[in-house]
Amino acid sequence: MPDLNGVAKKTKGRQKIEMKKMRNESNLRVTFSKRRTGVFKTASELATLCGVDVAVIMFSPGNRVFSFGSPSVDSVVQRYKTQGPPPLLTLDLNKVHSTVDEVELHTHLHCLSNQIAIEKKRTKDLNHLAKAAEDQFWWARPIESMTDSQLDKYKKMLEEFKRQLKEKRGNLN
């Protein structure tokens, strides 16, 4: 199969594997061996990153037992035996699902979505007003942030103000 450069690929690359039991016993053993390592690595990372106790026990296709535990399989199993399963695991998930009022949740979600839209519009309007005020009162900005054309306008305004002041003083005398 040629790739974008017109060169034939040597392998099929990574492909999605259909989730069903493999028929070929040799492939099954190799896949188990590779996946077991990945599962144990993930369990180790979970224990390290989250500070949780983890135990994983697997029986291979050849009926060999493999286990991983942090701090140890025995301590995690013993802790599980003394505490028992958490209440959520003993609940029927259909009962839990039926107790949630979906209509109420959708109504709440719709209300929150409307509030977000209103706040976004308000933010947009405020930004527009701030920009308009900045454009209208550009001389109120610090001189360092003004452009050359704004400085020229500012200079002309000051000169006009100075001229009007002299005129006003002349009229007072």
N, C-alpha and C. Protein backbone atom coordinates (compact mmCIF):
# COMPACT_ATOMS: atom_id res chain seq x y z
N MET A 1 0.85 -1.18 0.00
CA MET A 1 0.00 0.00 0.00
C MET A 1 0.90 1.24 0.00
N PRO A 2 0.82 2.10 -1.03
CA PRO A 2 1.67 3.29 -1.07
C PRO A 2 1.18 4.36 -0.11
N ASP A 3 2.15 5.13 0.45
CA ASP A 3 1.78 6.25 1.31
C ASP A 3 1.75 7.53 0.49
N LEU A 4 1.75 8.67 1.14
CA LEU A 4 1.65 9.95 0.42
C LEU A 4 2.83 10.21 -0.50
N ASN A 5 4.00 9.66 -0.17
CA ASN A 5 5.19 9.89 -0.99
C ASN A 5 5.30 8.88 -2.12
N GLY A 6 4.35 7.95 -2.24
CA GLY A 6 4.38 6.96 -3.30
C GLY A 6 5.22 5.75 -2.96
N VAL A 7 5.74 5.67 -1.74
CA VAL A 7 6.57 4.55 -1.32
C VAL A 7 5.68 3.54 -0.61
N ALA A 8 5.87 2.26 -0.93
CA ALA A 8 5.06 1.21 -0.30
C ALA A 8 5.47 1.05 1.15
N LYS A 9 4.47 0.92 2.04
CA LYS A 9 4.75 0.71 3.47
C LYS A 9 5.17 -0.74 3.68
N LYS A 10 6.09 -0.93 4.62
CA LYS A 10 6.58 -2.27 4.91
C LYS A 10 5.68 -3.00 5.91
N THR A 11 4.98 -2.23 6.79
CA THR A 11 4.09 -2.84 7.79
C THR A 11 2.71 -2.22 7.68
N LYS A 12 1.76 -2.84 8.35
CA LYS A 12 0.40 -2.31 8.38
C LYS A 12 0.25 -1.20 9.41
N GLY A 13 1.24 -1.05 10.29
CA GLY A 13 1.17 -0.02 11.32
C GLY A 13 0.23 -0.43 12.44
N ARG A 14 -0.13 0.53 13.25
CA ARG A 14 -1.03 0.27 14.36
C ARG A 14 -2.45 0.20 13.87
N GLN A 15 -3.15 -0.88 14.22
CA GLN A 15 -4.53 -1.03 13.79
C GLN A 15 -5.41 -1.33 14.99
N LYS A 16 -6.68 -1.01 14.85
CA LYS A 16 -7.63 -1.28 15.92
C LYS A 16 -7.87 -2.79 16.00
N ILE A 17 -7.85 -3.30 17.23
CA ILE A 17 -8.05 -4.72 17.43
C ILE A 17 -9.49 -4.95 17.87
N GLU A 18 -10.16 -5.88 17.21
CA GLU A 18 -11.53 -6.21 17.58
C GLU A 18 -11.53 -6.88 18.95
N MET A 19 -12.43 -6.45 19.82
CA MET A 19 -12.47 -6.98 21.18
C MET A 19 -13.24 -8.30 21.24
N LYS A 20 -12.54 -9.38 21.01
CA LYS A 20 -13.09 -10.71 21.18
C LYS A 20 -11.91 -11.64 21.47
N LYS A 21 -12.21 -12.78 22.04
CA LYS A 21 -11.14 -13.71 22.41
C LYS A 21 -10.44 -14.21 21.16
N MET A 22 -9.11 -14.25 21.24
CA MET A 22 -8.32 -14.71 20.11
C MET A 22 -8.40 -16.23 20.02
N ARG A 23 -8.42 -16.73 18.81
CA ARG A 23 -8.50 -18.18 18.61
C ARG A 23 -7.12 -18.82 18.60
N ASN A 24 -6.15 -18.12 18.05
CA ASN A 24 -4.80 -18.67 17.95
C ASN A 24 -4.14 -18.64 19.32
N GLU A 25 -3.84 -19.81 19.86
CA GLU A 25 -3.30 -19.95 21.21
C GLU A 25 -1.96 -19.23 21.36
N SER A 26 -1.11 -19.29 20.36
CA SER A 26 0.21 -18.65 20.41
C SER A 26 0.06 -17.13 20.48
N ASN A 27 -0.79 -16.58 19.62
CA ASN A 27 -1.03 -15.13 19.62
C ASN A 27 -1.64 -14.69 20.95
N LEU A 28 -2.53 -15.52 21.50
CA LEU A 28 -3.19 -15.20 22.75
C LEU A 28 -2.16 -15.07 23.88
N ARG A 29 -1.21 -15.99 23.94
CA ARG A 29 -0.19 -15.97 24.99
C ARG A 29 0.73 -14.75 24.85
N VAL A 30 1.13 -14.44 23.62
CA VAL A 30 2.00 -13.29 23.39
C VAL A 30 1.27 -12.00 23.75
N THR A 31 0.01 -11.88 23.34
CA THR A 31 -0.77 -10.69 23.63
C THR A 31 -0.97 -10.54 25.14
N PHE A 32 -1.26 -11.64 25.82
CA PHE A 32 -1.43 -11.59 27.27
C PHE A 32 -0.15 -11.08 27.93
N SER A 33 0.98 -11.62 27.50
CA SER A 33 2.25 -11.23 28.10
C SER A 33 2.52 -9.73 27.94
N LYS A 34 2.25 -9.21 26.75
CA LYS A 34 2.48 -7.78 26.50
C LYS A 34 1.48 -6.91 27.25
N ARG A 35 0.22 -7.29 27.23
CA ARG A 35 -0.81 -6.51 27.91
C ARG A 35 -0.64 -6.55 29.42
N ARG A 36 -0.21 -7.69 29.97
CA ARG A 36 0.00 -7.82 31.41
C ARG A 36 1.00 -6.78 31.88
N THR A 37 2.08 -6.63 31.15
CA THR A 37 3.09 -5.64 31.51
C THR A 37 2.50 -4.23 31.52
N GLY A 38 1.69 -3.92 30.52
CA GLY A 38 1.06 -2.60 30.44
C GLY A 38 0.09 -2.36 31.58
N VAL A 39 -0.69 -3.38 31.95
CA VAL A 39 -1.65 -3.24 33.05
C VAL A 39 -0.91 -3.01 34.36
N PHE A 40 0.17 -3.78 34.59
CA PHE A 40 0.94 -3.61 35.82
C PHE A 40 1.61 -2.23 35.87
N LYS A 41 2.08 -1.77 34.74
CA LYS A 41 2.71 -0.44 34.70
C LYS A 41 1.67 0.64 35.02
N THR A 42 0.48 0.52 34.44
CA THR A 42 -0.59 1.50 34.70
C THR A 42 -0.99 1.47 36.17
N ALA A 43 -1.09 0.27 36.75
CA ALA A 43 -1.44 0.16 38.17
C ALA A 43 -0.37 0.81 39.04
N SER A 44 0.89 0.61 38.67
CA SER A 44 2.00 1.22 39.42
C SER A 44 1.94 2.74 39.34
N GLU A 45 1.68 3.26 38.14
CA GLU A 45 1.57 4.71 37.95
C GLU A 45 0.41 5.27 38.76
N LEU A 46 -0.71 4.57 38.76
CA LEU A 46 -1.88 5.01 39.52
C LEU A 46 -1.56 5.06 41.01
N ALA A 47 -0.86 4.04 41.51
CA ALA A 47 -0.49 4.01 42.92
C ALA A 47 0.46 5.14 43.26
N THR A 48 1.42 5.40 42.38
CA THR A 48 2.42 6.45 42.63
C THR A 48 1.80 7.84 42.53
N LEU A 49 1.09 8.10 41.44
CA LEU A 49 0.56 9.44 41.19
C LEU A 49 -0.58 9.82 42.14
N CYS A 50 -1.43 8.87 42.47
CA CYS A 50 -2.61 9.17 43.27
C CYS A 50 -2.47 8.75 44.73
N GLY A 51 -1.42 8.03 45.05
CA GLY A 51 -1.22 7.60 46.43
C GLY A 51 -2.27 6.61 46.90
N VAL A 52 -2.70 5.74 46.01
CA VAL A 52 -3.72 4.75 46.37
C VAL A 52 -3.09 3.37 46.49
N ASP A 53 -3.79 2.49 47.22
CA ASP A 53 -3.37 1.10 47.30
C ASP A 53 -4.02 0.36 46.14
N VAL A 54 -3.22 -0.45 45.43
CA VAL A 54 -3.71 -1.14 44.24
C VAL A 54 -3.30 -2.61 44.31
N ALA A 55 -4.19 -3.48 43.89
CA ALA A 55 -3.85 -4.90 43.74
C ALA A 55 -4.44 -5.39 42.43
N VAL A 56 -3.63 -6.08 41.63
CA VAL A 56 -4.07 -6.66 40.37
C VAL A 56 -3.66 -8.12 40.39
N ILE A 57 -4.61 -9.01 40.16
CA ILE A 57 -4.34 -10.45 40.11
C ILE A 57 -4.87 -10.97 38.79
N MET A 58 -4.00 -11.68 38.04
CA MET A 58 -4.39 -12.21 36.73
C MET A 58 -4.03 -13.68 36.63
N PHE A 59 -4.88 -14.42 35.95
CA PHE A 59 -4.58 -15.80 35.61
C PHE A 59 -4.34 -15.86 34.11
N SER A 60 -3.18 -16.35 33.73
CA SER A 60 -2.81 -16.40 32.32
C SER A 60 -3.61 -17.49 31.61
N PRO A 61 -3.56 -17.48 30.25
CA PRO A 61 -4.24 -18.55 29.51
C PRO A 61 -3.69 -19.94 29.89
N GLY A 62 -2.46 -19.99 30.37
CA GLY A 62 -1.86 -21.25 30.80
C GLY A 62 -2.10 -21.53 32.28
N ASN A 63 -3.04 -20.80 32.91
CA ASN A 63 -3.41 -20.94 34.32
C ASN A 63 -2.28 -20.61 35.30
N ARG A 64 -1.37 -19.75 34.90
CA ARG A 64 -0.35 -19.26 35.82
C ARG A 64 -0.88 -17.97 36.45
N VAL A 65 -0.51 -17.73 37.71
CA VAL A 65 -1.00 -16.56 38.44
C VAL A 65 0.06 -15.46 38.38
N PHE A 66 -0.40 -14.24 38.06
CA PHE A 66 0.46 -13.06 38.06
C PHE A 66 -0.22 -12.01 38.92
N SER A 67 0.58 -11.29 39.73
CA SER A 67 -0.03 -10.30 40.59
C SER A 67 0.90 -9.10 40.75
N PHE A 68 0.26 -7.97 41.04
CA PHE A 68 0.98 -6.73 41.34
C PHE A 68 0.24 -6.06 42.48
N GLY A 69 0.98 -5.52 43.43
CA GLY A 69 0.33 -4.82 44.52
C GLY A 69 1.17 -3.68 45.03
N SER A 70 0.49 -2.62 45.43
CA SER A 70 1.18 -1.50 46.04
C SER A 70 0.38 -1.11 47.28
N PRO A 71 0.88 -1.27 48.47
CA PRO A 71 2.22 -1.70 48.86
C PRO A 71 2.46 -3.20 48.64
N SER A 72 1.44 -4.06 48.81
CA SER A 72 1.55 -5.47 48.46
C SER A 72 0.15 -6.01 48.21
N VAL A 73 0.08 -7.11 47.45
CA VAL A 73 -1.22 -7.69 47.14
C VAL A 73 -1.90 -8.13 48.43
N ASP A 74 -1.15 -8.78 49.32
CA ASP A 74 -1.73 -9.28 50.57
C ASP A 74 -2.34 -8.16 51.40
N SER A 75 -1.62 -7.04 51.54
CA SER A 75 -2.14 -5.95 52.38
C SER A 75 -3.39 -5.33 51.77
N VAL A 76 -3.43 -5.20 50.44
CA VAL A 76 -4.62 -4.62 49.80
C VAL A 76 -5.80 -5.57 49.91
N VAL A 77 -5.57 -6.87 49.70
CA VAL A 77 -6.65 -7.86 49.81
C VAL A 77 -7.17 -7.93 51.24
N GLN A 78 -6.26 -7.89 52.21
CA GLN A 78 -6.66 -7.94 53.62
C GLN A 78 -7.50 -6.70 53.97
N ARG A 79 -7.07 -5.55 53.49
CA ARG A 79 -7.82 -4.31 53.74
C ARG A 79 -9.21 -4.38 53.12
N TYR A 80 -9.31 -4.95 51.92
CA TYR A 80 -10.59 -5.10 51.23
C TYR A 80 -11.50 -6.04 52.02
N LYS A 81 -10.93 -7.12 52.53
CA LYS A 81 -11.73 -8.09 53.29
C LYS A 81 -12.30 -7.46 54.56
N THR A 82 -11.48 -6.66 55.27
CA THR A 82 -11.94 -6.08 56.53
C THR A 82 -12.94 -4.96 56.32
N GLN A 83 -12.75 -4.17 55.28
CA GLN A 83 -13.66 -3.04 55.04
C GLN A 83 -14.88 -3.45 54.23
N GLY A 84 -14.75 -4.42 53.39
CA GLY A 84 -15.83 -4.81 52.51
C GLY A 84 -15.91 -3.86 51.33
N PRO A 85 -16.71 -4.21 50.34
CA PRO A 85 -16.81 -3.33 49.16
C PRO A 85 -17.51 -2.03 49.52
N PRO A 86 -17.13 -0.94 48.85
CA PRO A 86 -17.81 0.33 49.12
C PRO A 86 -19.28 0.24 48.71
N PRO A 87 -20.14 1.01 49.34
CA PRO A 87 -21.58 0.92 49.08
C PRO A 87 -21.97 1.09 47.62
N LEU A 88 -21.28 1.94 46.87
CA LEU A 88 -21.65 2.19 45.49
C LEU A 88 -21.53 0.93 44.65
N LEU A 89 -20.55 0.07 44.96
CA LEU A 89 -20.36 -1.14 44.17
C LEU A 89 -21.45 -2.17 44.43
N THR A 90 -22.15 -2.08 45.54
CA THR A 90 -23.20 -3.05 45.84
C THR A 90 -24.56 -2.59 45.33
N LEU A 91 -24.66 -1.35 44.84
CA LEU A 91 -25.93 -0.83 44.34
C LEU A 91 -26.22 -1.35 42.94
N ASP A 92 -27.48 -1.50 42.63
CA ASP A 92 -27.89 -1.82 41.28
C ASP A 92 -27.81 -0.52 40.48
N LEU A 93 -27.00 -0.51 39.42
CA LEU A 93 -26.80 0.73 38.66
C LEU A 93 -28.09 1.22 38.02
N ASN A 94 -29.01 0.31 37.71
CA ASN A 94 -30.30 0.75 37.14
C ASN A 94 -31.09 1.56 38.15
N LYS A 95 -31.02 1.17 39.43
CA LYS A 95 -31.72 1.93 40.47
C LYS A 95 -31.10 3.30 40.65
N VAL A 96 -29.76 3.37 40.62
CA VAL A 96 -29.07 4.65 40.75
C VAL A 96 -29.46 5.56 39.60
N HIS A 97 -29.47 5.00 38.39
CA HIS A 97 -29.80 5.79 37.21
C HIS A 97 -31.23 6.31 37.28
N SER A 98 -32.15 5.49 37.78
CA SER A 98 -33.56 5.90 37.80
C SER A 98 -33.82 6.99 38.85
N THR A 99 -32.95 7.13 39.84
CA THR A 99 -33.19 8.15 40.86
C THR A 99 -32.81 9.55 40.38
N VAL A 100 -32.05 9.63 39.33
CA VAL A 100 -31.64 10.94 38.80
C VAL A 100 -32.75 11.47 37.89
N ASP A 101 -33.22 12.65 38.18
CA ASP A 101 -34.27 13.25 37.38
C ASP A 101 -33.62 13.96 36.19
N GLU A 102 -33.65 13.29 35.04
CA GLU A 102 -32.99 13.82 33.85
C GLU A 102 -33.60 15.14 33.38
N VAL A 103 -34.89 15.26 33.49
CA VAL A 103 -35.56 16.49 33.06
C VAL A 103 -35.05 17.67 33.89
N GLU A 104 -34.93 17.45 35.19
CA GLU A 104 -34.44 18.51 36.07
C GLU A 104 -33.01 18.89 35.72
N LEU A 105 -32.19 17.89 35.42
CA LEU A 105 -30.80 18.17 35.04
C LEU A 105 -30.72 18.94 33.72
N HIS A 106 -31.55 18.55 32.74
CA HIS A 106 -31.56 19.26 31.46
C HIS A 106 -32.03 20.70 31.63
N THR A 107 -33.02 20.90 32.48
CA THR A 107 -33.52 22.25 32.75
C THR A 107 -32.43 23.11 33.39
N HIS A 108 -31.73 22.52 34.34
CA HIS A 108 -30.63 23.24 35.01
C HIS A 108 -29.52 23.56 34.01
N LEU A 109 -29.19 22.59 33.16
CA LEU A 109 -28.16 22.80 32.14
C LEU A 109 -28.57 23.92 31.19
N HIS A 110 -29.84 23.93 30.77
CA HIS A 110 -30.34 24.97 29.87
C HIS A 110 -30.25 26.35 30.54
N CYS A 111 -30.61 26.40 31.82
CA CYS A 111 -30.54 27.66 32.57
C CYS A 111 -29.10 28.16 32.65
N LEU A 112 -28.18 27.26 32.96
CA LEU A 112 -26.77 27.64 33.03
C LEU A 112 -26.23 28.09 31.67
N SER A 113 -26.65 27.41 30.61
CA SER A 113 -26.23 27.80 29.26
C SER A 113 -26.71 29.20 28.92
N ASN A 114 -27.96 29.51 29.30
CA ASN A 114 -28.49 30.86 29.07
C ASN A 114 -27.71 31.91 29.85
N GLN A 115 -27.37 31.59 31.11
CA GLN A 115 -26.60 32.54 31.91
C GLN A 115 -25.22 32.78 31.29
N ILE A 116 -24.61 31.74 30.78
CA ILE A 116 -23.30 31.88 30.13
C ILE A 116 -23.43 32.77 28.90
N ALA A 117 -24.47 32.56 28.10
CA ALA A 117 -24.68 33.37 26.90
C ALA A 117 -24.88 34.84 27.27
N ILE A 118 -25.66 35.09 28.33
CA ILE A 118 -25.90 36.47 28.78
C ILE A 118 -24.59 37.11 29.23
N GLU A 119 -23.79 36.38 30.00
CA GLU A 119 -22.51 36.92 30.47
C GLU A 119 -21.55 37.18 29.32
N LYS A 120 -21.55 36.31 28.31
CA LYS A 120 -20.69 36.52 27.14
C LYS A 120 -21.10 37.79 26.40
N LYS A 121 -22.44 38.00 26.26
CA LYS A 121 -22.92 39.22 25.59
C LYS A 121 -22.56 40.45 26.41
N ARG A 122 -22.71 40.35 27.73
CA ARG A 122 -22.36 41.48 28.60
C ARG A 122 -20.88 41.81 28.48
N THR A 123 -20.04 40.79 28.47
CA THR A 123 -18.60 41.00 28.31
C THR A 123 -18.29 41.67 26.97
N LYS A 124 -18.95 41.19 25.92
CA LYS A 124 -18.73 41.77 24.59
C LYS A 124 -19.15 43.24 24.58
N ASP A 125 -20.31 43.54 25.17
CA ASP A 125 -20.80 44.92 25.23
C ASP A 125 -19.85 45.81 26.03
N LEU A 126 -19.38 45.32 27.17
CA LEU A 126 -18.45 46.10 27.99
C LEU A 126 -17.13 46.35 27.26
N ASN A 127 -16.64 45.35 26.57
CA ASN A 127 -15.41 45.53 25.79
C ASN A 127 -15.61 46.56 24.69
N HIS A 128 -16.80 46.53 24.06
CA HIS A 128 -17.11 47.50 23.01
C HIS A 128 -17.17 48.92 23.59
N LEU A 129 -17.82 49.06 24.75
CA LEU A 129 -17.88 50.37 25.41
C LEU A 129 -16.50 50.87 25.82
N ALA A 130 -15.68 49.98 26.35
CA ALA A 130 -14.32 50.36 26.75
C ALA A 130 -13.51 50.81 25.54
N LYS A 131 -13.67 50.10 24.42
CA LYS A 131 -12.95 50.48 23.20
C LYS A 131 -13.44 51.84 22.70
N ALA A 132 -14.75 52.05 22.72
CA ALA A 132 -15.31 53.33 22.28
C ALA A 132 -14.82 54.47 23.17
N ALA A 133 -14.81 54.26 24.47
CA ALA A 133 -14.33 55.29 25.40
C ALA A 133 -12.85 55.56 25.17
N GLU A 134 -12.10 54.52 24.92
CA GLU A 134 -10.67 54.69 24.67
C GLU A 134 -10.44 55.48 23.39
N ASP A 135 -11.25 55.18 22.35
CA ASP A 135 -11.12 55.91 21.10
C ASP A 135 -11.55 57.36 21.26
N GLN A 136 -12.60 57.60 22.04
CA GLN A 136 -13.13 58.95 22.22
C GLN A 136 -12.22 59.80 23.11
N PHE A 137 -11.67 59.22 24.15
CA PHE A 137 -10.84 59.95 25.09
C PHE A 137 -9.38 59.50 25.00
N TRP A 138 -8.87 59.44 23.79
CA TRP A 138 -7.51 58.95 23.57
C TRP A 138 -6.47 59.81 24.28
N TRP A 139 -6.77 61.10 24.49
CA TRP A 139 -5.79 61.99 25.13
C TRP A 139 -5.64 61.71 26.62
N ALA A 140 -6.56 60.94 27.18
CA ALA A 140 -6.47 60.61 28.60
C ALA A 140 -5.45 59.50 28.86
N ARG A 141 -4.99 58.85 27.79
CA ARG A 141 -3.98 57.80 27.93
C ARG A 141 -2.63 58.41 28.27
N PRO A 142 -1.72 57.62 28.86
CA PRO A 142 -0.35 58.12 29.09
C PRO A 142 0.31 58.47 27.75
N ILE A 143 1.10 59.53 27.76
CA ILE A 143 1.75 60.00 26.54
C ILE A 143 2.61 58.92 25.91
N GLU A 144 3.25 58.07 26.74
CA GLU A 144 4.14 57.03 26.22
C GLU A 144 3.40 56.03 25.33
N SER A 145 2.10 55.86 25.54
CA SER A 145 1.36 54.86 24.76
C SER A 145 0.70 55.46 23.52
N MET A 146 0.85 56.77 23.29
CA MET A 146 0.22 57.42 22.14
C MET A 146 1.05 57.21 20.87
N THR A 147 0.32 57.16 19.75
CA THR A 147 0.98 57.07 18.45
C THR A 147 1.43 58.47 18.03
N ASP A 148 2.22 58.53 16.98
CA ASP A 148 2.71 59.82 16.49
C ASP A 148 1.55 60.74 16.07
N SER A 149 0.56 60.19 15.38
CA SER A 149 -0.57 61.03 14.95
C SER A 149 -1.36 61.53 16.16
N GLN A 150 -1.49 60.69 17.19
CA GLN A 150 -2.19 61.13 18.40
C GLN A 150 -1.39 62.22 19.12
N LEU A 151 -0.07 62.09 19.12
CA LEU A 151 0.76 63.13 19.74
C LEU A 151 0.62 64.46 19.00
N ASP A 152 0.56 64.38 17.66
CA ASP A 152 0.38 65.61 16.87
C ASP A 152 -0.97 66.25 17.20
N LYS A 153 -2.03 65.42 17.27
CA LYS A 153 -3.35 65.95 17.62
C LYS A 153 -3.33 66.57 19.02
N TYR A 154 -2.66 65.89 19.94
CA TYR A 154 -2.56 66.36 21.31
C TYR A 154 -1.85 67.70 21.36
N LYS A 155 -0.77 67.83 20.60
CA LYS A 155 -0.01 69.07 20.56
C LYS A 155 -0.89 70.20 20.01
N LYS A 156 -1.64 69.92 18.94
CA LYS A 156 -2.52 70.94 18.35
C LYS A 156 -3.62 71.34 19.34
N MET A 157 -4.15 70.37 20.07
CA MET A 157 -5.17 70.68 21.07
C MET A 157 -4.61 71.59 22.16
N LEU A 158 -3.40 71.28 22.62
CA LEU A 158 -2.78 72.10 23.67
C LEU A 158 -2.51 73.52 23.16
N GLU A 159 -2.05 73.61 21.91
CA GLU A 159 -1.79 74.94 21.33
C GLU A 159 -3.10 75.72 21.22
N GLU A 160 -4.17 75.06 20.80
CA GLU A 160 -5.47 75.72 20.70
C GLU A 160 -5.96 76.14 22.08
N PHE A 161 -5.78 75.28 23.07
CA PHE A 161 -6.16 75.60 24.43
C PHE A 161 -5.37 76.81 24.95
N LYS A 162 -4.07 76.83 24.65
CA LYS A 162 -3.20 77.95 25.07
C LYS A 162 -3.66 79.25 24.40
N ARG A 163 -4.02 79.19 23.11
CA ARG A 163 -4.48 80.36 22.38
C ARG A 163 -5.79 80.89 22.97
N GLN A 164 -6.71 79.96 23.28
CA GLN A 164 -7.99 80.36 23.86
C GLN A 164 -7.80 80.96 25.25
N LEU A 165 -6.84 80.45 26.00
CA LEU A 165 -6.55 80.97 27.33
C LEU A 165 -6.04 82.42 27.23
N LYS A 166 -5.12 82.65 26.28
CA LYS A 166 -4.59 84.01 26.09
C LYS A 166 -5.71 84.94 25.69
N GLU A 167 -6.60 84.49 24.81
CA GLU A 167 -7.74 85.28 24.37
C GLU A 167 -8.64 85.63 25.54
N LYS A 168 -8.90 84.67 26.37
CA LYS A 168 -9.78 84.85 27.52
C LYS A 168 -9.15 85.85 28.48
N ARG A 169 -7.84 85.73 28.71
CA ARG A 169 -7.14 86.67 29.60
C ARG A 169 -7.17 88.09 29.03
N GLY A 170 -7.01 88.17 27.71
CA GLY A 170 -7.04 89.49 27.06
C GLY A 170 -8.41 90.14 27.22
N ASN A 171 -9.45 89.38 27.18
CA ASN A 171 -10.82 89.89 27.32
C ASN A 171 -11.10 90.30 28.76
N LEU A 172 -10.42 89.68 29.73
CA LEU A 172 -10.62 90.02 31.14
C LEU A 172 -9.95 91.35 31.49
N ASN A 173 -8.87 91.70 30.84
CA ASN A 173 -8.14 92.94 31.16
C ASN A 173 -8.78 94.13 30.59
